[in-house]
Every structure is written in C-alpha cells, then in structure tokens.
N, C-alpha and C. Protein backbone atom coordinates (compact mmCIF):
# COMPACT_ATOMS: atom_id res chain seq x y z
N MET A 1 264.31 347.36 124.71
CA MET A 1 264.44 348.52 124.06
C MET A 1 264.00 348.32 122.55
N GLU A 2 264.47 347.19 121.95
CA GLU A 2 264.37 346.93 120.60
C GLU A 2 262.96 346.75 120.38
N ARG A 3 262.20 346.10 121.24
CA ARG A 3 260.78 345.74 121.19
C ARG A 3 260.05 347.19 121.20
N ILE A 4 260.42 347.90 121.91
CA ILE A 4 259.69 349.24 121.92
C ILE A 4 259.86 349.92 120.61
N ASP A 5 261.11 349.95 120.04
CA ASP A 5 261.42 350.55 118.82
C ASP A 5 260.53 350.00 117.64
N LYS A 6 260.44 348.59 117.67
CA LYS A 6 259.77 347.97 116.61
C LYS A 6 258.14 348.33 116.80
N THR A 7 257.66 348.58 118.12
CA THR A 7 256.40 348.83 118.27
C THR A 7 256.09 350.19 117.84
N GLU A 8 256.99 351.06 118.11
CA GLU A 8 256.86 352.52 117.57
C GLU A 8 256.80 352.63 116.11
N GLU A 9 257.75 351.80 115.43
CA GLU A 9 257.80 351.81 113.93
C GLU A 9 256.54 351.37 113.52
N LEU A 10 256.00 350.29 113.93
CA LEU A 10 254.75 349.62 113.48
C LEU A 10 253.59 350.64 113.73
N ILE A 11 253.50 351.36 114.77
CA ILE A 11 252.61 352.41 114.98
C ILE A 11 252.60 353.54 114.04
N ALA A 12 253.79 353.95 113.78
CA ALA A 12 253.93 354.97 112.78
C ALA A 12 253.61 354.51 111.38
N HIS A 13 253.96 353.33 110.98
CA HIS A 13 253.48 352.82 109.66
C HIS A 13 252.08 352.69 109.75
N LEU A 14 251.34 352.22 110.68
CA LEU A 14 249.89 352.12 110.71
C LEU A 14 249.23 353.43 110.64
N ALA A 15 249.64 354.37 111.42
CA ALA A 15 249.27 355.83 111.32
C ALA A 15 249.36 356.28 110.00
N ARG A 16 250.37 356.14 109.07
CA ARG A 16 250.53 356.60 107.84
C ARG A 16 249.36 355.78 106.90
N VAL A 17 249.32 354.55 107.12
CA VAL A 17 248.48 353.84 106.18
C VAL A 17 246.91 354.35 106.53
N SER A 18 246.56 354.61 107.84
CA SER A 18 245.29 355.22 108.19
C SER A 18 245.03 356.60 107.62
N ASP A 19 246.03 357.32 107.48
CA ASP A 19 245.95 358.63 106.98
C ASP A 19 245.74 358.58 105.36
N ASP A 20 246.47 357.66 104.80
CA ASP A 20 246.39 357.32 103.30
C ASP A 20 244.94 356.94 102.96
N LEU A 21 244.56 355.98 103.68
CA LEU A 21 243.18 355.43 103.45
C LEU A 21 242.07 356.34 103.73
N SER A 22 242.26 357.26 104.73
CA SER A 22 241.36 358.37 105.15
C SER A 22 241.24 359.23 103.88
N GLN A 23 242.27 359.75 103.25
CA GLN A 23 242.39 360.46 102.05
C GLN A 23 241.58 359.89 100.83
N ILE A 24 241.88 358.72 100.74
CA ILE A 24 241.26 357.91 99.52
C ILE A 24 239.81 357.81 99.73
N VAL A 25 239.33 357.57 100.99
CA VAL A 25 237.93 357.52 101.26
C VAL A 25 237.19 358.88 101.05
N ALA A 26 237.75 359.82 101.50
CA ALA A 26 237.39 361.26 101.23
C ALA A 26 237.24 361.71 99.59
N ARG A 27 238.29 361.18 98.89
CA ARG A 27 238.19 361.46 97.48
C ARG A 27 236.96 360.55 96.92
N GLN A 28 236.97 359.46 97.31
CA GLN A 28 235.92 358.49 96.73
C GLN A 28 234.57 359.05 97.09
N GLU A 29 234.38 359.57 98.29
CA GLU A 29 233.00 360.06 98.69
C GLU A 29 232.60 361.43 97.86
N ALA A 30 233.58 362.18 97.56
CA ALA A 30 233.37 363.15 96.61
C ALA A 30 233.03 362.89 95.24
N GLN A 31 233.70 361.84 94.72
CA GLN A 31 233.44 361.28 93.38
C GLN A 31 232.25 360.60 93.29
N ILE A 32 231.83 359.88 94.39
CA ILE A 32 230.56 359.32 94.33
C ILE A 32 229.35 360.29 94.28
N ALA A 33 229.51 361.40 95.22
CA ALA A 33 228.45 362.37 95.09
C ALA A 33 228.36 363.06 93.87
N ARG A 34 229.54 363.26 93.06
CA ARG A 34 229.48 363.93 91.66
C ARG A 34 228.73 362.89 90.76
N LEU A 35 229.09 361.54 90.87
CA LEU A 35 228.48 360.69 89.95
C LEU A 35 226.87 360.56 90.26
N GLU A 36 226.57 360.68 91.42
CA GLU A 36 225.05 360.44 91.77
C GLU A 36 224.30 361.56 91.32
N ARG A 37 225.05 362.77 91.29
CA ARG A 37 224.29 364.11 90.72
C ARG A 37 224.36 363.96 89.26
N ARG A 38 225.23 363.38 88.48
CA ARG A 38 225.19 363.20 87.10
C ARG A 38 224.11 362.16 86.70
N VAL A 39 224.04 361.02 87.38
CA VAL A 39 223.10 360.05 87.07
C VAL A 39 221.75 360.69 87.27
N GLU A 40 221.59 361.35 88.35
CA GLU A 40 220.04 361.98 88.58
C GLU A 40 219.85 362.95 87.34
N MET A 41 220.91 363.86 87.01
CA MET A 41 220.67 364.67 85.80
C MET A 41 220.50 363.93 84.58
N LEU A 42 221.06 362.89 84.28
CA LEU A 42 220.86 362.10 83.04
C LEU A 42 219.51 361.46 83.15
N SER A 43 219.15 360.91 84.31
CA SER A 43 217.81 360.51 84.37
C SER A 43 216.61 361.33 84.17
N GLN A 44 216.81 362.59 84.68
CA GLN A 44 215.82 363.68 84.46
C GLN A 44 215.77 363.98 82.97
N ARG A 45 217.02 364.10 82.29
CA ARG A 45 216.94 364.37 80.92
C ARG A 45 216.23 363.40 79.96
N GLU A 46 216.49 362.14 80.32
CA GLU A 46 216.08 361.05 79.62
C GLU A 46 214.52 361.00 79.86
N ALA A 47 213.96 361.26 81.06
CA ALA A 47 212.57 361.30 81.42
C ALA A 47 211.95 362.24 80.52
N GLU A 48 212.42 363.45 80.36
CA GLU A 48 211.79 364.53 79.82
C GLU A 48 211.97 364.21 78.19
N ARG A 49 212.96 363.56 77.76
CA ARG A 49 213.10 363.25 76.32
C ARG A 49 211.99 362.25 76.04
N GLU A 50 211.79 361.22 76.84
CA GLU A 50 210.67 360.22 76.70
C GLU A 50 209.19 360.87 76.63
N LEU A 51 209.08 361.74 77.64
CA LEU A 51 207.72 362.48 77.59
C LEU A 51 207.58 363.12 76.38
N GLU A 52 208.63 363.93 75.67
CA GLU A 52 208.49 364.78 74.61
C GLU A 52 208.20 363.76 73.51
N ALA A 53 208.89 362.69 73.28
CA ALA A 53 208.72 361.78 72.22
C ALA A 53 207.44 361.01 72.32
N GLY A 54 207.06 360.45 73.40
CA GLY A 54 205.92 359.54 73.38
C GLY A 54 204.75 360.16 74.22
N GLY A 55 204.89 360.84 75.06
CA GLY A 55 203.97 361.50 75.76
C GLY A 55 203.36 360.64 76.85
N GLY A 56 203.87 359.47 77.06
CA GLY A 56 203.42 358.62 78.10
C GLY A 56 204.18 358.67 79.45
N ILE A 57 204.10 357.57 80.15
CA ILE A 57 204.97 357.56 81.51
C ILE A 57 206.41 357.03 81.17
N PRO A 58 207.23 357.83 81.57
CA PRO A 58 208.69 357.54 81.33
C PRO A 58 209.22 356.09 81.65
N LEU A 59 209.90 355.41 80.91
CA LEU A 59 210.33 354.26 81.05
C LEU A 59 210.97 353.98 82.53
N ALA A 60 211.64 354.98 82.94
CA ALA A 60 212.18 354.94 84.38
C ALA A 60 211.16 354.61 85.66
N ASP A 61 209.90 355.22 85.20
CA ASP A 61 209.05 355.25 86.14
C ASP A 61 207.92 353.97 86.00
N GLN A 62 208.16 353.22 84.93
CA GLN A 62 207.15 352.15 84.64
C GLN A 62 207.50 350.89 85.40
N ARG A 63 206.56 350.15 85.76
CA ARG A 63 207.01 348.74 86.27
C ARG A 63 207.43 347.94 85.26
N PRO A 64 208.39 347.07 85.55
CA PRO A 64 209.01 346.13 84.64
C PRO A 64 207.88 345.03 84.18
N PRO A 65 207.88 344.43 83.00
CA PRO A 65 206.83 343.69 82.40
C PRO A 65 206.58 342.41 83.33
N HIS A 66 207.60 341.95 84.06
CA HIS A 66 207.40 340.74 84.96
C HIS A 66 206.73 340.93 86.20
N TRP A 67 206.19 342.19 86.50
CA TRP A 67 205.51 342.58 87.86
C TRP A 67 204.20 342.23 87.64
C-alpha cells in the first residue's frame, strides 16, 4: 500500500510540473510571436529609413562583403 501511495504522489507531482511547464511554454510562445512582430516592424522601418537616406538597396537586403 505504501508503494501505491508513493506512486500516486509521484504522479501528482509530475502532473503539476507538466501543467506548470505547459503554461510557461504557452507564455513563451506568445512572447516570441510578439518579439518576431516587433523585429519585423523595426526591420521594415530601418529599410525605409535607409532608402530615404541613401536611395540604394537597404543594408538588410545586401549580400555581406565576404560573399
């Protein structure tokens, strides 16, 4: 009986940890999506700024000099 109690306790603990990790992953997924949108927005702004300033191809779209 003690063995069953320990197993049930372990399962309950693992279920809690699994739920906690699931919530963390969901929050991180939302945060990553927000950050990706922000990076895209900043990249577009910088490309527009470079076009206005220099009139050439934006740096982000140019091949690096070592290519």
